[in-house]
C-alpha atoms as a PDB file:
ATOM      1  CA  MET A   1       0.000   0.000   0.000  1.00  0.00           C
ATOM      2  CA  ARG A   2       1.207   3.460  -0.808  1.00  0.00           C
ATOM      3  CA  ALA A   3       1.601   5.883   2.096  1.00  0.00           C
ATOM      4  CA  ARG A   4      -1.081   8.550   2.045  1.00  0.00           C
ATOM      5  CA  TRP A   5      -0.344  10.788   4.977  1.00  0.00           C
ATOM      6  CA  TRP A   6      -1.914  13.747   3.198  1.00  0.00           C
ATOM      7  CA  VAL A   7      -5.335  12.136   2.621  1.00  0.00           C
ATOM      8  CA  LEU A   8      -7.080  13.433   5.761  1.00  0.00           C
ATOM      9  CA  GLY A   9      -6.136  16.988   4.830  1.00  0.00           C
ATOM     10  CA  ALA A  10      -7.391  16.502   1.284  1.00  0.00           C
ATOM     11  CA  ILE A  11     -10.692  15.086   2.521  1.00  0.00           C
ATOM     12  CA  ALA A  12     -11.125  17.991   4.951  1.00  0.00           C
ATOM     13  CA  GLY A  13     -10.524  20.424   2.098  1.00  0.00           C
ATOM     14  CA  VAL A  14     -13.138  18.746  -0.081  1.00  0.00           C
ATOM     15  CA  LEU A  15     -15.672  18.797   2.737  1.00  0.00           C
ATOM     16  CA  LEU A  16     -14.915  22.489   3.264  1.00  0.00           C
ATOM     17  CA  PHE A  17     -15.431  23.097  -0.458  1.00  0.00           C
ATOM     18  CA  HIS A  18     -18.854  21.485  -0.301  1.00  0.00           C
ATOM     19  CA  GLY A  19     -19.657  23.432   2.846  1.00  0.00           C
ATOM     20  CA  PHE A  20     -19.157  26.682   0.946  1.00  0.00           C
ATOM     21  CA  ALA A  21     -21.069  25.462  -2.119  1.00  0.00           C
ATOM     22  CA  ARG A  22     -24.321  27.303  -2.699  1.00  0.00           C
ATOM     23  CA  ALA A  23     -27.677  25.933  -3.714  1.00  0.00           C
ATOM     24  CA  ALA A  24     -27.096  27.005  -7.329  1.00  0.00           C
ATOM     25  CA  GLU A  25     -27.426  24.203  -9.851  1.00  0.00           C
ATOM     26  CA  PRO A  26     -24.146  22.766 -11.169  1.00  0.00           C
ATOM     27  CA  VAL A  27     -23.157  23.932 -14.639  1.00  0.00           C
ATOM     28  CA  ALA A  28     -20.186  21.596 -15.130  1.00  0.00           C
ATOM     29  CA  VAL A  29     -18.588  18.383 -13.899  1.00  0.00           C
ATOM     30  CA  LEU A  30     -14.845  17.762 -13.602  1.00  0.00           C
ATOM     31  CA  THR A  31     -14.051  14.879 -15.959  1.00  0.00           C
ATOM     32  CA  GLU A  32     -10.234  14.913 -16.046  1.00  0.00           C
ATOM     33  CA  ILE A  33      -7.525  15.695 -13.512  1.00  0.00           C
ATOM     34  CA  ARG A  34      -4.018  15.406 -14.951  1.00  0.00           C
ATOM     35  CA  LYS A  35      -1.392  16.621 -12.483  1.00  0.00           C
ATOM     36  CA  GLY A  36       1.901  15.850 -14.203  1.00  0.00           C
ATOM     37  CA  GLN A  37       4.578  17.911 -12.476  1.00  0.00           C
ATOM     38  CA  GLY A  38       2.043  20.522 -11.359  1.00  0.00           C
ATOM     39  CA  ASP A  39      -1.206  20.569  -9.440  1.00  0.00           C
ATOM     40  CA  VAL A  40      -4.947  21.160  -9.880  1.00  0.00           C
ATOM     41  CA  GLY A  41      -6.993  23.110  -7.340  1.00  0.00           C
ATOM     42  CA  VAL A  42     -10.545  24.364  -6.934  1.00  0.00           C
ATOM     43  CA  LYS A  43     -12.041  27.164  -4.849  1.00  0.00           C
ATOM     44  CA  PRO A  44     -15.748  27.788  -4.211  1.00  0.00           C
ATOM     45  CA  ALA A  45     -17.266  31.079  -5.246  1.00  0.00           C
ATOM     46  CA  GLY A  46     -16.917  33.852  -2.706  1.00  0.00           C
ATOM     47  CA  ALA A  47     -14.997  32.047   0.029  1.00  0.00           C
ATOM     48  CA  GLY A  48     -12.599  29.299   0.976  1.00  0.00           C
ATOM     49  CA  ASP A  49      -9.103  28.218   0.047  1.00  0.00           C
ATOM     50  CA  TRP A  50      -7.759  26.273  -2.879  1.00  0.00           C
ATOM     51  CA  VAL A  51      -8.251  22.527  -2.321  1.00  0.00           C
ATOM     52  CA  ALA A  52      -7.535  19.372  -4.301  1.00  0.00           C
ATOM     53  CA  PRO A  53     -10.660  18.367  -6.267  1.00  0.00           C
ATOM     54  CA  GLN A  54     -12.048  14.877  -6.257  1.00  0.00           C
ATOM     55  CA  PRO A  55     -13.051  13.237  -9.559  1.00  0.00           C
ATOM     56  CA  LEU A  56     -16.462  14.142 -11.007  1.00  0.00           C
ATOM     57  CA  LEU A  57     -16.730  17.225  -8.809  1.00  0.00           C
ATOM     58  CA  ALA A  58     -19.848  19.298  -9.566  1.00  0.00           C
ATOM     59  CA  LEU A  59     -18.988  22.946 -10.279  1.00  0.00           C
ATOM     60  CA  ARG A  60     -21.297  25.943  -9.952  1.00  0.00           C
ATOM     61  CA  PRO A  61     -21.175  29.484 -11.373  1.00  0.00           C
ATOM     62  CA  GLY A  62     -18.378  31.482  -9.771  1.00  0.00           C
ATOM     63  CA  ASP A  63     -16.343  28.494  -8.629  1.00  0.00           C
ATOM     64  CA  GLN A  64     -12.713  28.690  -9.702  1.00  0.00           C
ATOM     65  CA  ILE A  65     -10.318  26.046 -10.928  1.00  0.00           C
ATOM     66  CA  ARG A  66      -6.624  26.337 -11.657  1.00  0.00           C
ATOM     67  CA  ALA A  67      -3.739  24.242 -12.973  1.00  0.00           C
ATOM     68  CA  THR A  68      -0.036  24.845 -12.466  1.00  0.00           C
ATOM     69  CA  GLN A  69       2.985  23.957 -14.603  1.00  0.00           C
ATOM     70  CA  ASP A  70       2.025  21.098 -16.970  1.00  0.00           C
ATOM     71  CA  ALA A  71      -1.117  20.065 -15.070  1.00  0.00           C
ATOM     72  CA  ARG A  72      -4.518  20.288 -16.722  1.00  0.00           C
ATOM     73  CA  ALA A  73      -8.164  19.647 -15.988  1.00  0.00           C
ATOM     74  CA  VAL A  74     -11.251  19.245 -18.179  1.00  0.00           C
ATOM     75  CA  LEU A  75     -14.759  20.460 -17.424  1.00  0.00           C
ATOM     76  CA  LEU A  76     -17.834  18.999 -19.129  1.00  0.00           C
ATOM     77  CA  PHE A  77     -20.681  21.518 -19.169  1.00  0.00           C
ATOM     78  CA  THR A  78     -24.279  20.515 -18.527  1.00  0.00           C
ATOM     79  CA  GLY A  79     -26.837  20.660 -21.314  1.00  0.00           C
ATOM     80  CA  GLY A  80     -24.401  19.252 -23.877  1.00  0.00           C
ATOM     81  CA  ARG A  81     -22.654  22.622 -24.105  1.00  0.00           C
ATOM     82  CA  GLY A  82     -19.127  21.350 -24.654  1.00  0.00           C
ATOM     83  CA  THR A  83     -15.971  21.185 -22.575  1.00  0.00           C
ATOM     84  CA  GLN A  84     -13.294  23.521 -21.240  1.00  0.00           C
ATOM     85  CA  VAL A  85      -9.649  22.584 -20.796  1.00  0.00           C
ATOM     86  CA  ILE A  86      -7.938  24.294 -17.854  1.00  0.00           C
ATOM     87  CA  SER A  87      -4.174  24.771 -17.977  1.00  0.00           C
ATOM     88  CA  ALA A  88      -1.626  27.138 -16.475  1.00  0.00           C
ATOM     89  CA  ALA A  89      -2.240  29.459 -19.441  1.00  0.00           C
ATOM     90  CA  ASN A  90      -5.888  30.187 -18.538  1.00  0.00           C
ATOM     91  CA  SER A  91      -5.705  29.747 -14.743  1.00  0.00           C
ATOM     92  CA  PRO A  92      -7.492  30.576 -12.597  1.00  0.00           C
ATOM     93  CA  PHE A  93     -10.627  29.863 -14.598  1.00  0.00           C
ATOM     94  CA  THR A  94     -13.971  31.089 -13.256  1.00  0.00           C
ATOM     95  CA  VAL A  95     -16.779  28.673 -14.026  1.00  0.00           C
ATOM     96  CA  GLN A  96     -19.777  30.020 -15.918  1.00  0.00           C
ATOM     97  CA  ALA A  97     -22.302  28.313 -18.151  1.00  0.00           C
ATOM     98  CA  PRO A  98     -21.274  28.898 -21.789  1.00  0.00           C
ATOM     99  CA  ALA A  99     -23.626  31.041 -23.831  1.00  0.00           C
ATOM    100  CA  GLY A 100     -23.374  28.996 -27.038  1.00  0.00           C
ATOM    101  CA  GLU A 101     -24.171  25.398 -27.942  1.00  0.00           C
ATOM    102  CA  SER A 102     -21.925  22.568 -29.089  1.00  0.00           C
ATOM    103  CA  GLY A 103     -22.689  19.869 -31.656  1.00  0.00           C
ATOM    104  CA  THR A 104     -25.934  18.734 -33.217  1.00  0.00           C
ATOM    105  CA  GLU A 105     -29.200  18.485 -31.341  1.00  0.00           C
ATOM    106  CA  LYS A 106     -28.895  14.684 -31.114  1.00  0.00           C
ATOM    107  CA  VAL A 107     -25.363  14.894 -29.735  1.00  0.00           C
ATOM    108  CA  ARG A 108     -26.347  17.559 -27.203  1.00  0.00           C
ATOM    109  CA  ALA A 109     -29.281  15.473 -25.999  1.00  0.00           C
ATOM    110  CA  VAL A 110     -27.147  12.357 -25.440  1.00  0.00           C
ATOM    111  CA  VAL A 111     -24.264  14.230 -23.802  1.00  0.00           C
ATOM    112  CA  ALA A 112     -26.640  16.271 -21.622  1.00  0.00           C
ATOM    113  CA  SER A 113     -28.296  13.115 -20.299  1.00  0.00           C
ATOM    114  CA  VAL A 114     -24.968  11.441 -19.519  1.00  0.00           C
ATOM    115  CA  THR A 115     -23.613  14.608 -17.888  1.00  0.00           C
ATOM    116  CA  GLN A 116     -26.537  14.660 -15.463  1.00  0.00           C
ATOM    117  CA  PHE A 117     -25.852  11.024 -14.693  1.00  0.00           C
ATOM    118  CA  LEU A 118     -22.155  11.703 -14.054  1.00  0.00           C
ATOM    119  CA  LEU A 119     -23.035  14.553 -11.687  1.00  0.00           C
ATOM    120  CA  GLY A 120     -24.587  11.940  -9.421  1.00  0.00           C
ATOM    121  CA  GLN A 121     -21.560   9.625  -9.427  1.00  0.00           C
ATOM    122  CA  GLN A 122     -19.089  11.618  -7.322  1.00  0.00           C
ATOM    123  CA  LYS A 123     -18.093   9.893  -4.098  1.00  0.00           C
ATOM    124  CA  GLN A 124     -16.369  11.136  -0.983  1.00  0.00           C
ATOM    125  CA  LEU A 125     -13.291   8.952  -1.294  1.00  0.00           C
ATOM    126  CA  THR A 126     -11.665   7.958   1.959  1.00  0.00           C
ATOM    127  CA  TYR A 127      -8.629   5.755   2.368  1.00  0.00           C
ATOM    128  CA  GLN A 128      -9.388   2.294   3.712  1.00  0.00           C
ATOM    129  CA  SER A 129      -6.870  -0.526   3.846  1.00  0.00           C
ATOM    130  CA  LEU A 130      -7.868  -3.609   1.913  1.00  0.00           C
ATOM    131  CA  SER A 131      -7.554  -7.049   3.426  1.00  0.00           C
ATOM    132  CA  VAL A 132      -4.539  -9.076   2.341  1.00  0.00           C
ATOM    133  CA  ARG A 133      -5.433 -11.311  -0.568  1.00  0.00           C
ATOM    134  CA  SER A 134      -5.115 -15.048  -0.129  1.00  0.00           C
ATOM    135  CA  LEU A 135      -2.514 -16.806  -2.235  1.00  0.00           C
ATOM    136  CA  SER A 136      -5.248 -19.316  -3.075  1.00  0.00           C
ATOM    137  CA  GLN A 137      -7.802 -17.096  -4.777  1.00  0.00           C
ATOM    138  CA  PRO A 138     -11.299 -18.619  -4.813  1.00  0.00           C
ATOM    139  CA  PRO A 139     -13.281 -18.581  -8.068  1.00  0.00           C
ATOM    140  CA  LEU A 140     -15.217 -15.366  -8.657  1.00  0.00           C
ATOM    141  CA  ILE A 141     -17.483 -14.458 -11.566  1.00  0.00           C
ATOM    142  CA  ILE A 142     -16.425 -11.138 -13.128  1.00  0.00           C
ATOM    143  CA  ALA A 143     -18.515 -10.777 -16.291  1.00  0.00           C
ATOM    144  CA  PRO A 144     -21.213 -10.798 -17.436  1.00  0.00           C
ATOM    145  CA  ARG A 145     -22.634 -10.218 -13.974  1.00  0.00           C
ATOM    146  CA  ASP A 146     -26.122  -8.861 -13.214  1.00  0.00           C
ATOM    147  CA  THR A 147     -26.184  -6.858 -16.430  1.00  0.00           C
ATOM    148  CA  HIS A 148     -27.930  -6.293 -19.731  1.00  0.00           C
ATOM    149  CA  LEU A 149     -25.903  -6.992 -22.868  1.00  0.00           C
ATOM    150  CA  ILE A 150     -25.873  -5.430 -26.309  1.00  0.00           C
ATOM    151  CA  PRO A 151     -26.676  -8.185 -28.854  1.00  0.00           C
ATOM    152  CA  GLY A 152     -23.476  -9.770 -30.106  1.00  0.00           C
ATOM    153  CA  PRO A 153     -20.718 -12.117 -28.962  1.00  0.00           C
ATOM    154  CA  VAL A 154     -20.678 -13.000 -25.266  1.00  0.00           C
ATOM    155  CA  ALA A 155     -17.530 -13.957 -23.344  1.00  0.00           C
ATOM    156  CA  PHE A 156     -17.522 -15.360 -19.796  1.00  0.00           C
ATOM    157  CA  GLU A 157     -14.802 -14.099 -17.488  1.00  0.00           C
ATOM    158  CA  TRP A 158     -13.816 -15.005 -13.950  1.00  0.00           C
ATOM    159  CA  ALA A 159     -11.005 -14.768 -11.401  1.00  0.00           C
ATOM    160  CA  GLY A 160      -9.409 -17.667  -9.585  1.00  0.00           C
ATOM    161  CA  SER A 161      -6.360 -19.881  -9.321  1.00  0.00           C
ATOM    162  CA  ASP A 162      -4.530 -20.834 -12.512  1.00  0.00           C
ATOM    163  CA  ARG A 163      -4.043 -24.307 -11.004  1.00  0.00           C
ATOM    164  CA  LEU A 164      -7.758 -25.117 -11.040  1.00  0.00           C
ATOM    165  CA  ARG A 165      -9.901 -26.370 -13.901  1.00  0.00           C
ATOM    166  CA  TYR A 166     -13.323 -24.836 -14.287  1.00  0.00           C
ATOM    167  CA  SER A 167     -16.737 -25.694 -15.698  1.00  0.00           C
ATOM    168  CA  VAL A 168     -19.199 -23.161 -17.137  1.00  0.00           C
ATOM    169  CA  ARG A 169     -22.935 -23.729 -17.575  1.00  0.00           C
ATOM    170  CA  VAL A 170     -25.544 -21.387 -19.063  1.00  0.00           C
ATOM    171  CA  LEU A 171     -29.148 -21.949 -18.017  1.00  0.00           C
ATOM    172  CA  GLY A 172     -32.398 -20.405 -19.228  1.00  0.00           C
ATOM    173  CA  PRO A 173     -36.036 -20.723 -18.131  1.00  0.00           C
ATOM    174  CA  GLU A 174     -36.227 -24.220 -19.662  1.00  0.00           C
ATOM    175  CA  GLY A 175     -32.992 -25.456 -18.116  1.00  0.00           C
ATOM    176  CA  LEU A 176     -29.506 -26.120 -19.448  1.00  0.00           C
ATOM    177  CA  VAL A 177     -28.596 -24.202 -22.623  1.00  0.00           C
ATOM    178  CA  TRP A 178     -24.855 -24.872 -22.929  1.00  0.00           C
ATOM    179  CA  GLU A 179     -21.958 -26.127 -20.849  1.00  0.00           C
ATOM    180  CA  GLN A 180     -18.235 -26.692 -21.142  1.00  0.00           C
ATOM    181  CA  ALA A 181     -15.830 -28.331 -18.704  1.00  0.00           C
ATOM    182  CA  ASN A 182     -12.087 -28.633 -18.023  1.00  0.00           C
ATOM    183  CA  LEU A 183     -11.453 -24.955 -18.730  1.00  0.00           C
ATOM    184  CA  GLN A 184      -8.392 -22.920 -17.837  1.00  0.00           C
ATOM    185  CA  ARG A 185      -8.818 -19.525 -16.191  1.00  0.00           C
ATOM    186  CA  ARG A 186      -9.264 -17.345 -19.247  1.00  0.00           C
ATOM    187  CA  PRO A 187     -12.286 -15.748 -20.951  1.00  0.00           C
ATOM    188  CA  VAL A 188     -14.479 -18.271 -22.763  1.00  0.00           C
ATOM    189  CA  ASP A 189     -16.646 -17.279 -25.727  1.00  0.00           C
ATOM    190  CA  TYR A 190     -20.210 -18.482 -26.023  1.00  0.00           C
ATOM    191  CA  PRO A 191     -19.935 -20.567 -29.203  1.00  0.00           C
ATOM    192  CA  ALA A 192     -21.846 -19.865 -32.386  1.00  0.00           C
ATOM    193  CA  SER A 193     -22.839 -23.542 -32.478  1.00  0.00           C
ATOM    194  CA  ALA A 194     -24.756 -23.219 -29.182  1.00  0.00           C
ATOM    195  CA  PRO A 195     -28.443 -22.185 -29.102  1.00  0.00           C
ATOM    196  CA  ALA A 196     -28.855 -18.479 -29.773  1.00  0.00           C
ATOM    197  CA  LEU A 197     -29.381 -16.335 -26.695  1.00  0.00           C
ATOM    198  CA  ARG A 198     -32.853 -14.819 -26.927  1.00  0.00           C
ATOM    199  CA  PRO A 199     -33.516 -11.128 -26.202  1.00  0.00           C
ATOM    200  CA  GLY A 200     -35.456 -10.348 -23.059  1.00  0.00           C
ATOM    201  CA  VAL A 201     -34.735 -13.729 -21.459  1.00  0.00           C
ATOM    202  CA  ARG A 202     -33.044 -13.822 -18.056  1.00  0.00           C
ATOM    203  CA  TYR A 203     -30.129 -16.252 -18.259  1.00  0.00           C
ATOM    204  CA  ARG A 204     -28.028 -17.577 -15.413  1.00  0.00           C
ATOM    205  CA  TRP A 205     -24.486 -18.780 -15.772  1.00  0.00           C
ATOM    206  CA  GLU A 206     -22.662 -20.922 -13.268  1.00  0.00           C
ATOM    207  CA  LEU A 207     -18.969 -21.368 -12.584  1.00  0.00           C
ATOM    208  CA  THR A 208     -17.733 -24.452 -10.740  1.00  0.00           C
ATOM    209  CA  ALA A 209     -14.301 -25.657  -9.646  1.00  0.00           C
ATOM    210  CA  PRO A 210     -13.273 -28.596  -7.475  1.00  0.00           C
ATOM    211  CA  GLY A 211     -13.421 -27.842  -3.768  1.00  0.00           C
ATOM    212  CA  HIS A 212     -15.275 -24.536  -4.166  1.00  0.00           C
ATOM    213  CA  PRO A 213     -18.959 -23.554  -4.029  1.00  0.00           C
ATOM    214  CA  VAL A 214     -20.799 -22.807  -7.264  1.00  0.00           C
ATOM    215  CA  GLN A 215     -20.700 -19.172  -8.401  1.00  0.00           C
ATOM    216  CA  ARG A 216     -23.790 -17.777 -10.163  1.00  0.00           C
ATOM    217  CA  ALA A 217     -24.619 -14.583 -12.047  1.00  0.00           C
ATOM    218  CA  GLN A 218     -27.409 -13.386 -14.325  1.00  0.00           C
ATOM    219  CA  PHE A 219     -27.551 -11.506 -17.618  1.00  0.00           C
ATOM    220  CA  GLU A 220     -30.096 -10.506 -20.220  1.00  0.00           C
ATOM    221  CA  VAL A 221     -29.638  -9.608 -23.893  1.00  0.00           C
ATOM    222  CA  LEU A 222     -31.304  -6.438 -25.190  1.00  0.00           C
ATOM    223  CA  SER A 223     -33.745  -6.630 -28.073  1.00  0.00           C
ATOM    224  CA  ALA A 224     -32.417  -5.821 -31.535  1.00  0.00           C
ATOM    225  CA  ALA A 225     -34.230  -2.458 -31.438  1.00  0.00           C
ATOM    226  CA  GLU A 226     -32.798  -1.511 -28.044  1.00  0.00           C
ATOM    227  CA  GLY A 227     -29.337  -2.639 -29.108  1.00  0.00           C
ATOM    228  CA  ALA A 228     -29.569  -0.512 -32.259  1.00  0.00           C
ATOM    229  CA  ARG A 229     -30.643   2.501 -30.184  1.00  0.00           C
ATOM    230  CA  VAL A 230     -27.640   2.188 -27.866  1.00  0.00           C
ATOM    231  CA  ARG A 231     -25.230   1.632 -30.768  1.00  0.00           C
ATOM    232  CA  ALA A 232     -26.607   4.736 -32.501  1.00  0.00           C
ATOM    233  CA  ALA A 233     -26.009   6.789 -29.358  1.00  0.00           C
ATOM    234  CA  LEU A 234     -22.469   5.420 -29.022  1.00  0.00           C
ATOM    235  CA  ALA A 235     -21.781   6.285 -32.658  1.00  0.00           C
ATOM    236  CA  LEU A 236     -22.434   9.937 -31.792  1.00  0.00           C
ATOM    237  CA  LEU A 237     -19.846   9.788 -29.015  1.00  0.00           C
ATOM    238  CA  GLU A 238     -16.533   9.658 -30.845  1.00  0.00           C
ATOM    239  CA  PRO A 239     -13.558  11.984 -30.215  1.00  0.00           C
ATOM    240  CA  ALA A 240     -13.446  13.201 -33.821  1.00  0.00           C
ATOM    241  CA  GLY A 241     -17.149  14.070 -33.908  1.00  0.00           C
ATOM    242  CA  LEU A 242     -17.397  15.600 -30.441  1.00  0.00           C
ATOM    243  CA  GLY A 243     -14.106  17.474 -30.433  1.00  0.00           C
ATOM    244  CA  TYR A 244     -13.553  16.450 -26.805  1.00  0.00           C
ATOM    245  CA  SER A 245     -10.430  14.863 -25.336  1.00  0.00           C
ATOM    246  CA  ARG A 246     -10.236  11.072 -25.460  1.00  0.00           C
ATOM    247  CA  GLY A 247     -10.402  10.695 -21.687  1.00  0.00           C
ATOM    248  CA  THR A 248     -13.638  12.658 -21.432  1.00  0.00           C
ATOM    249  CA  VAL A 249     -15.144  10.815 -24.415  1.00  0.00           C
ATOM    250  CA  ALA A 250     -14.305   7.449 -22.788  1.00  0.00           C
ATOM    251  CA  LEU A 251     -15.989   8.644 -19.608  1.00  0.00           C
ATOM    252  CA  ILE A 252     -19.113   9.826 -21.480  1.00  0.00           C
ATOM    253  CA  ARG A 253     -19.393   6.550 -23.416  1.00  0.00           C
ATOM    254  CA  ALA A 254     -19.004   4.509 -20.242  1.00  0.00           C
ATOM    255  CA  GLY A 255     -21.511   6.753 -18.473  1.00  0.00           C
ATOM    256  CA  LEU A 256     -24.061   6.119 -21.230  1.00  0.00           C
ATOM    257  CA  LEU A 257     -23.608   2.353 -20.912  1.00  0.00           C
ATOM    258  CA  PHE A 258     -23.736   2.511 -17.113  1.00  0.00           C
ATOM    259  CA  GLN A 259     -26.905   4.596 -17.288  1.00  0.00           C
ATOM    260  CA  GLU A 260     -28.506   1.981 -19.552  1.00  0.00           C
ATOM    261  CA  GLY A 261     -27.701  -0.887 -17.158  1.00  0.00           C
ATOM    262  CA  LEU A 262     -25.076  -2.243 -19.558  1.00  0.00           C
ATOM    263  CA  TYR A 263     -22.500  -2.731 -16.813  1.00  0.00           C
ATOM    264  CA  HIS A 264     -20.525  -5.336 -18.744  1.00  0.00           C
ATOM    265  CA  ASP A 265     -19.982  -2.978 -21.675  1.00  0.00           C
ATOM    266  CA  ALA A 266     -19.358   0.011 -19.370  1.00  0.00           C
ATOM    267  CA  ARG A 267     -16.612  -1.986 -17.642  1.00  0.00           C
ATOM    268  CA  ARG A 268     -14.972  -2.833 -20.972  1.00  0.00           C
ATOM    269  CA  GLU A 269     -15.091   0.808 -22.070  1.00  0.00           C
ATOM    270  CA  LEU A 270     -13.501   1.948 -18.801  1.00  0.00           C
ATOM    271  CA  LEU A 271     -10.826  -0.747 -18.826  1.00  0.00           C
ATOM    272  CA  ALA A 272      -9.836   0.356 -22.336  1.00  0.00           C
ATOM    273  CA  GLY A 273      -9.735   3.960 -21.103  1.00  0.00           C
ATOM    274  CA  VAL A 274      -7.522   3.006 -18.150  1.00  0.00           C
ATOM    275  CA  VAL A 275      -5.121   1.162 -20.451  1.00  0.00           C
ATOM    276  CA  ALA A 276      -4.865   4.277 -22.635  1.00  0.00           C
ATOM    277  CA  ASP A 277      -4.624   6.676 -19.654  1.00  0.00           C
ATOM    278  CA  PRO A 278      -3.838   4.876 -16.364  1.00  0.00           C
ATOM    279  CA  GLU A 279      -3.213   8.191 -14.547  1.00  0.00           C
ATOM    280  CA  GLU A 280      -6.771   9.522 -14.950  1.00  0.00           C
ATOM    281  CA  PRO A 281      -8.644   9.229 -11.619  1.00  0.00           C
ATOM    282  CA  THR A 282     -12.157   9.740 -13.016  1.00  0.00           C
ATOM    283  CA  LEU A 283     -11.893   6.539 -15.061  1.00  0.00           C
ATOM    284  CA  HIS A 284     -10.910   4.589 -11.947  1.00  0.00           C
ATOM    285  CA  LEU A 285     -13.731   6.208  -9.964  1.00  0.00           C
ATOM    286  CA  LEU A 286     -16.440   5.256 -12.457  1.00  0.00           C
ATOM    287  CA  LEU A 287     -14.953   1.774 -12.866  1.00  0.00           C
ATOM    288  CA  GLY A 288     -15.187   1.381  -9.095  1.00  0.00           C
ATOM    289  CA  SER A 289     -18.841   2.435  -9.258  1.00  0.00           C
ATOM    290  CA  VAL A 290     -19.508  -0.221 -11.905  1.00  0.00           C
ATOM    291  CA  TYR A 291     -17.875  -2.895  -9.749  1.00  0.00           C
ATOM    292  CA  GLU A 292     -19.844  -1.682  -6.737  1.00  0.00           C
ATOM    293  CA  ARG A 293     -23.097  -1.867  -8.694  1.00  0.00           C
ATOM    294  CA  ILE A 294     -22.517  -5.520  -9.693  1.00  0.00           C
ATOM    295  CA  GLY A 295     -21.436  -6.614  -6.237  1.00  0.00           C
ATOM    296  CA  LEU A 296     -17.643  -6.852  -6.708  1.00  0.00           C
ATOM    297  CA  LYS A 297     -16.803  -4.907  -3.566  1.00  0.00           C
ATOM    298  CA  GLU A 298     -13.088  -5.700  -3.374  1.00  0.00           C
ATOM    299  CA  LEU A 299     -12.479  -4.652  -6.976  1.00  0.00           C
ATOM    300  CA  ALA A 300     -14.559  -1.514  -6.355  1.00  0.00           C
ATOM    301  CA  ALA A 301     -12.474  -0.629  -3.281  1.00  0.00           C
ATOM    302  CA  ARG A 302      -9.255  -0.968  -5.269  1.00  0.00           C
ATOM    303  CA  GLU A 303     -10.483   1.353  -7.993  1.00  0.00           C
ATOM    304  CA  PHE A 304     -11.739   3.912  -5.463  1.00  0.00           C
ATOM    305  CA  GLU A 305      -8.384   3.782  -3.702  1.00  0.00           C
ATOM    306  CA  GLU A 306      -6.544   4.345  -6.985  1.00  0.00           C
ATOM    307  CA  ALA A 307      -8.833   7.264  -7.868  1.00  0.00           C
ATOM    308  CA  GLN A 308      -8.134   8.796  -4.472  1.00  0.00           C
ATOM    309  CA  PHE A 309      -4.391   8.360  -4.770  1.00  0.00           C
ATOM    310  CA  LEU A 310      -4.212   9.835  -8.280  1.00  0.00           C
ATOM    311  CA  SER A 311      -6.335  12.868  -7.350  1.00  0.00           C
ATOM    312  CA  THR A 312      -4.550  13.696  -4.075  1.00  0.00           C
ATOM    313  CA  ARG A 313      -0.919  12.765  -4.686  1.00  0.00           C
ATOM    314  CA  ARG A 314       1.800  15.369  -4.516  1.00  0.00           C
ATOM    315  CA  PRO A 315       3.885  16.239  -7.594  1.00  0.00           C
END
């Protein structure tokens, strides 16, 4: 575990920031915090000191945000009204709702909806030591887990010991649909030769390994129409079309999927974002929220801890 002797001070500062916050509606959410060799700070309108912001912080008119040296931050405005990059060159930046609009009406509608969703995802991150992991990791279903799925290929994923051999079964309302045994611990694709998974049907999949209790999780495939609707919305959310930074676009896309109950796809979007930008705390925060939503509390705690570390560390 990394030492975090400064965390209590950072938490106190965030609580103070919220104490000064007025009842005015938020006009932006903080989607990226990149510290580099500098720092990012926020100050509430009219009072208070500069404090370290937590990921997905809601910002109101008159709040200020600054970046020093090579640090930067990105604000996503409500109502689909675009983003603002904060750097040393334009610091301190006073938050105000932009007068103009950004993108087409369809894009604004999708982004506005996701922005409101993201405003509700901020957490007060506090440091909490995780229990020491056992060298003999028990089997644990990772995905798909208590989620809807966009129609398409399905892969089953789990954690556990590489020394074990696993069996996977998929069951529907009428009973067994497909099974495979003697599997190594790696993702397994649902084969094209197996019965097609029907939209709107609640399926259960089971994971078994010698000496361990059966693990179970549920999933449901969207209808073709619902899948097409989600894909159309995702097609609007591309960096080239939006003109936003890649980190914020990844967050918006994952937020859309999360909002739709597509936790499996939201997780994949966030994992890809973390691979591309492992230093971005907002991606870790939302990934932790996805894990929390599907009952993977230890994985959620790790992501929340990483988000906290990245947003409060010293240069």
